[in-house]
Amino acid sequence: MKELVEFIAKAIVDHPDDVEVEVEEYEEDGDRVILHLYVADDDMGKVIGKQGRIANAMRDLVKVAAVQRGVRASLDIGD
């Protein structure tokens, strides 16, 4: 899932070297993953999109990938 988010974000932004994805897993559940996406300030609007459409689409893709792996996942963008 981390690679999926990195791939999509780097394709959208102007500064792909500034894209970072951190993975946070919860041990008590074992089936919960939170992905944190960080991009350059100039690229934040491109990742979010008009009315949040790109961000919502990325979140939907993460959820689909998570279901295939049998876990629950969410995507946080920015700080």
Protein backbone atom coordinates (compact mmCIF):
# COMPACT_ATOMS: atom_id res chain seq x y z
CA MET A 1 0.00 0.00 0.00
CA LYS A 2 2.87 2.35 0.76
CA GLU A 3 4.25 1.85 -2.74
CA LEU A 4 0.83 2.53 -4.26
CA VAL A 5 0.46 5.86 -2.44
CA GLU A 6 4.04 6.89 -3.32
CA PHE A 7 3.51 6.02 -6.98
CA ILE A 8 0.29 8.02 -7.28
CA ALA A 9 1.60 11.02 -5.34
CA LYS A 10 4.86 11.22 -7.30
CA ALA A 11 2.90 11.16 -10.57
CA ILE A 12 0.77 14.12 -9.47
CA VAL A 13 3.22 16.52 -7.80
CA ASP A 14 5.85 18.86 -9.21
CA HIS A 15 8.45 17.87 -6.58
CA PRO A 16 8.41 14.05 -6.46
CA ASP A 17 11.59 13.93 -4.36
CA ASP A 18 9.69 15.55 -1.47
CA VAL A 19 7.04 12.81 -1.30
CA GLU A 20 7.20 10.76 1.91
CA VAL A 21 4.86 8.03 3.12
CA GLU A 22 5.02 6.74 6.67
CA VAL A 23 3.21 3.59 7.79
CA GLU A 24 1.78 3.28 11.27
CA GLU A 25 0.45 -0.10 12.39
CA TYR A 26 -1.57 -0.76 15.51
CA GLU A 27 -0.38 -3.80 17.42
CA GLU A 28 -3.47 -4.29 19.58
CA ASP A 29 -5.71 -4.86 16.57
CA GLY A 30 -3.13 -6.21 14.17
CA ASP A 31 -5.37 -5.38 11.26
CA ARG A 32 -5.25 -1.57 11.27
CA VAL A 33 -2.82 0.49 9.19
CA ILE A 34 -2.58 4.28 8.88
CA LEU A 35 -0.59 5.79 6.03
CA HIS A 36 0.68 9.36 6.39
CA LEU A 37 1.45 11.19 3.12
CA TYR A 38 3.73 14.22 3.21
CA VAL A 39 4.42 16.42 0.18
CA ALA A 40 5.94 19.84 -0.43
CA ASP A 41 3.73 22.77 0.53
CA ASP A 42 3.50 23.84 -3.12
CA ASP A 43 2.09 20.44 -4.08
CA MET A 44 -0.53 20.11 -1.33
CA GLY A 45 -3.30 21.48 -3.53
CA LYS A 46 -2.49 19.04 -6.32
CA VAL A 47 -2.66 16.06 -3.97
CA ILE A 48 -5.95 17.20 -2.44
CA GLY A 49 -7.56 18.28 -5.72
CA LYS A 50 -10.72 20.28 -6.33
CA GLN A 51 -13.15 19.69 -3.48
CA GLY A 52 -10.88 16.87 -2.25
CA ARG A 53 -11.62 14.59 -5.19
CA ILE A 54 -8.05 13.36 -5.71
CA ALA A 55 -7.54 12.80 -1.98
CA ASN A 56 -10.80 10.86 -1.76
CA ALA A 57 -9.86 8.76 -4.80
CA MET A 58 -6.48 7.94 -3.24
CA ARG A 59 -8.22 6.96 0.01
CA ASP A 60 -10.60 4.71 -1.90
CA LEU A 61 -7.68 2.96 -3.63
CA VAL A 62 -5.95 2.44 -0.28
CA LYS A 63 -9.12 0.90 1.14
CA VAL A 64 -9.41 -1.48 -1.82
CA ALA A 65 -5.76 -2.53 -1.46
CA ALA A 66 -6.31 -3.04 2.27
CA VAL A 67 -9.33 -5.28 1.72
CA GLN A 68 -7.26 -7.45 -0.59
CA ARG A 69 -4.72 -7.88 2.22
CA GLY A 70 -7.35 -8.45 4.90
CA VAL A 71 -6.62 -5.29 6.89
CA ARG A 72 -8.25 -1.91 7.45
CA ALA A 73 -6.37 1.14 6.27
CA SER A 74 -6.72 4.90 6.12
CA LEU A 75 -4.73 7.68 4.49
CA ASP A 76 -3.85 10.96 6.19
CA ILE A 77 -2.49 13.76 4.02
CA GLY A 78 -0.28 16.52 5.40
CA ASP A 79 0.57 17.41 8.97
